[in-house]
Protein backbone atom coordinates (compact mmCIF):
# COMPACT_ATOMS: atom_id res chain seq x y z
CA MET A 1 4.20 -11.05 -12.75
CA GLY A 2 7.22 -12.96 -13.44
CA LEU A 3 9.17 -12.39 -10.24
CA ALA A 4 12.04 -14.27 -11.15
CA ARG A 5 12.98 -12.22 -14.28
CA GLN A 6 13.17 -9.13 -11.97
CA ILE A 7 15.97 -9.98 -9.80
CA LYS A 8 18.84 -8.02 -10.28
CA PRO A 9 22.42 -7.78 -8.40
CA ILE A 10 23.01 -4.25 -7.18
CA SER A 11 25.45 -3.12 -9.80
CA TYR A 12 23.14 -3.40 -12.16
CA LEU A 13 20.97 -0.76 -10.07
CA LYS A 14 24.10 1.10 -10.12
CA SER A 15 25.20 1.35 -14.08
CA HIS A 16 21.75 1.26 -15.29
CA ALA A 17 19.86 3.40 -13.40
CA ALA A 18 18.12 5.52 -16.11
CA ASP A 19 17.30 2.20 -17.76
CA ILE A 20 15.46 1.04 -14.70
CA ALA A 21 13.29 3.40 -13.96
CA ARG A 22 12.17 3.71 -18.06
CA HIS A 23 11.69 0.30 -17.50
CA LEU A 24 9.64 0.43 -14.09
CA GLY A 25 7.72 3.21 -15.20
CA ASP A 26 6.83 1.13 -18.29
CA THR A 27 5.82 -2.29 -16.83
CA ALA A 28 4.61 -1.16 -13.25
CA GLU A 29 6.52 -4.30 -12.10
CA PRO A 30 9.06 -4.31 -8.62
CA LEU A 31 12.96 -5.01 -9.26
CA VAL A 32 14.26 -7.60 -6.64
CA ILE A 33 17.97 -6.03 -6.22
CA THR A 34 20.35 -8.27 -4.43
CA GLN A 35 23.56 -7.77 -3.08
CA ASN A 36 26.13 -10.80 -1.97
CA GLY A 37 23.67 -13.06 -3.61
CA GLU A 38 21.11 -12.17 -1.12
CA ALA A 39 17.70 -10.10 -1.64
CA ARG A 40 18.44 -6.78 -0.50
CA LEU A 41 16.31 -4.37 -1.92
CA VAL A 42 12.48 -4.33 -3.81
CA VAL A 43 12.48 -1.08 -6.58
CA GLN A 44 9.12 0.07 -7.65
CA ASP A 45 7.79 3.10 -9.60
CA ILE A 46 5.87 5.88 -8.05
CA GLY A 47 2.18 4.87 -8.91
CA SER A 48 2.53 1.66 -7.77
CA TYR A 49 4.38 2.29 -4.54
CA GLU A 50 1.35 4.95 -3.46
CA ALA A 51 -1.58 2.10 -4.80
CA THR A 52 0.23 -0.09 -2.29
CA GLN A 53 0.41 2.60 0.40
CA GLU A 54 -2.99 3.62 0.12
CA THR A 55 -4.26 -0.34 0.00
CA LEU A 56 -2.27 -0.70 2.91
CA ALA A 57 -4.09 2.05 4.23
CA LEU A 58 -7.73 0.33 3.69
CA LEU A 59 -6.12 -3.07 5.38
CA LYS A 60 -5.79 -0.96 8.10
CA ILE A 61 -9.15 0.44 8.21
CA LEU A 62 -10.73 -3.02 7.91
CA ALA A 63 -8.79 -4.33 10.61
CA LEU A 64 -9.31 -1.63 12.86
CA GLY A 65 -13.00 -1.88 12.19
CA ASN A 66 -13.07 -5.88 12.55
CA ARG A 67 -11.47 -5.23 16.01
CA GLU A 68 -14.27 -2.94 17.39
CA ILE A 69 -16.33 -5.73 16.01
CA GLU A 70 -15.34 -8.67 17.96
CA GLU A 71 -14.74 -5.77 21.09
CA GLY A 72 -18.62 -4.78 21.04
CA ARG A 73 -17.83 -1.50 19.96
CA VAL A 74 -20.76 -1.30 17.57
CA ALA A 75 -24.05 0.73 17.44
CA ARG A 76 -26.68 -0.22 14.91
CA ALA A 77 -26.84 2.32 11.75
CA GLU A 78 -29.87 3.83 12.76
CA ASP A 79 -28.77 5.25 16.11
CA ALA A 80 -25.67 6.53 14.46
CA LEU A 81 -27.42 8.11 11.81
CA ARG A 82 -29.60 9.73 14.66
CA ARG A 83 -26.67 10.65 16.83
CA ALA A 84 -24.74 12.66 13.54
CA ARG A 85 -28.23 14.51 12.37
CA ASP A 86 -28.21 15.67 16.31
CA ARG A 87 -24.79 17.16 16.30
CA ARG A 88 -25.24 18.17 12.86
CA LYS A 89 -28.43 20.13 14.36
CA SER A 90 -26.36 21.44 17.50
CA ASP A 91 -23.35 22.91 15.16
CA GLU A 92 -25.81 24.97 13.46
């Protein structure tokens, strides 16, 4: 991803919104928008945004799992499966 080529001033966003939307949909590369010479926004297509959100959710789940391991809140797989089977039988 050539992010340096994907930096535009806010005035460009205002005057080329439709072109930007089309380009983002085609390339799936984010566009950095500057205001007064400073990066202010990142604009991306919805598919890329959703993929990013799914990735973040998975990373959060992994981090929670790692924290539980570090805290010793783990169970042997055999014991966990047995408890799950017992619960399912009691629900029937």
